[in-house]
Amino acid sequence: MGGEPTINDEADGVRFVQPAELGQYDIHPSMRQQIGDYFAGTYPYLG
C-alpha cells in the first residue's frame, strides 16, 4: 500500500493504520465489511 491520505467531504481525518488496530475505530458497518473482504481476498461482484 502507499499513497497520501487525503481529507475530503466524506472524511475529516484519515491515516494508515495496522489491521490489528481497526477495532479501535468507529467504522461504518458497510465499510468494515469491505475492509474485511479485502483482507480475506474476496471481492464482491459490483457489476
C-alpha atoms as a PDB file:
ATOM      1  CA  MET A   1       0.000   0.000   0.000  1.00  0.00           C
ATOM      2  CA  GLY A   2       1.036   3.531  -0.477  1.00  0.00           C
ATOM      3  CA  GLY A   3      -0.153   6.967  -1.333  1.00  0.00           C
ATOM      4  CA  GLU A   4      -1.021  10.043   0.617  1.00  0.00           C
ATOM      5  CA  PRO A   5      -4.087  10.009   2.904  1.00  0.00           C
ATOM      6  CA  THR A   6      -6.305  12.957   1.956  1.00  0.00           C
ATOM      7  CA  ILE A   7      -9.191  14.582   3.814  1.00  0.00           C
ATOM      8  CA  ASN A   8     -12.333  15.101   1.728  1.00  0.00           C
ATOM      9  CA  ASP A   9     -16.043  15.842   2.182  1.00  0.00           C
ATOM     10  CA  GLU A  10     -16.623  12.305   3.488  1.00  0.00           C
ATOM     11  CA  ALA A  11     -13.663  12.146   5.894  1.00  0.00           C
ATOM     12  CA  ASP A  12     -12.466  14.789   8.315  1.00  0.00           C
ATOM     13  CA  GLY A  13      -9.433  12.721   9.298  1.00  0.00           C
ATOM     14  CA  VAL A  14      -7.518   9.965   7.516  1.00  0.00           C
ATOM     15  CA  ARG A  15      -4.453   7.852   8.258  1.00  0.00           C
ATOM     16  CA  PHE A  16      -2.923   4.466   7.552  1.00  0.00           C
ATOM     17  CA  VAL A  17      -3.282   2.020  10.453  1.00  0.00           C
ATOM     18  CA  GLN A  18      -2.299  -1.563  11.121  1.00  0.00           C
ATOM     19  CA  PRO A  19      -5.073  -4.136  10.569  1.00  0.00           C
ATOM     20  CA  ALA A  20      -4.923  -5.116  14.253  1.00  0.00           C
ATOM     21  CA  GLU A  21      -5.816  -1.504  15.192  1.00  0.00           C
ATOM     22  CA  LEU A  22      -9.064  -1.340  13.181  1.00  0.00           C
ATOM     23  CA  GLY A  23     -11.198  -2.405  16.148  1.00  0.00           C
ATOM     24  CA  GLN A  24     -10.321   0.889  17.865  1.00  0.00           C
ATOM     25  CA  TYR A  25     -12.083   2.976  15.210  1.00  0.00           C
ATOM     26  CA  ASP A  26     -15.708   3.899  14.557  1.00  0.00           C
ATOM     27  CA  ILE A  27     -16.106   2.442  11.069  1.00  0.00           C
ATOM     28  CA  HIS A  28     -19.468   2.186   9.298  1.00  0.00           C
ATOM     29  CA  PRO A  29     -20.555  -1.476   9.044  1.00  0.00           C
ATOM     30  CA  SER A  30     -20.575  -1.431   5.228  1.00  0.00           C
ATOM     31  CA  MET A  31     -17.016  -0.089   5.131  1.00  0.00           C
ATOM     32  CA  ARG A  32     -15.920  -2.593   7.760  1.00  0.00           C
ATOM     33  CA  GLN A  33     -17.353  -5.347   5.514  1.00  0.00           C
ATOM     34  CA  GLN A  34     -15.381  -4.041   2.532  1.00  0.00           C
ATOM     35  CA  ILE A  35     -12.178  -3.961   4.563  1.00  0.00           C
ATOM     36  CA  GLY A  36     -12.843  -7.498   5.796  1.00  0.00           C
ATOM     37  CA  ASP A  37     -13.496  -8.692   2.246  1.00  0.00           C
ATOM     38  CA  TYR A  38     -10.214  -7.178   1.100  1.00  0.00           C
ATOM     39  CA  PHE A  39      -8.206  -8.864   3.860  1.00  0.00           C
ATOM     40  CA  ALA A  40      -9.969 -12.176   3.146  1.00  0.00           C
ATOM     41  CA  GLY A  41      -9.125 -11.878  -0.545  1.00  0.00           C
ATOM     42  CA  THR A  42     -12.790 -11.908  -1.544  1.00  0.00           C
ATOM     43  CA  TYR A  43     -14.162  -9.222  -3.784  1.00  0.00           C
ATOM     44  CA  PRO A  44     -17.929  -8.961  -4.275  1.00  0.00           C
ATOM     45  CA  TYR A  45     -19.282  -8.581  -7.801  1.00  0.00           C
ATOM     46  CA  LEU A  46     -20.008  -4.904  -8.445  1.00  0.00           C
ATOM     47  CA  GLY A  47     -21.389  -5.098 -11.985  1.00  0.00           C
END
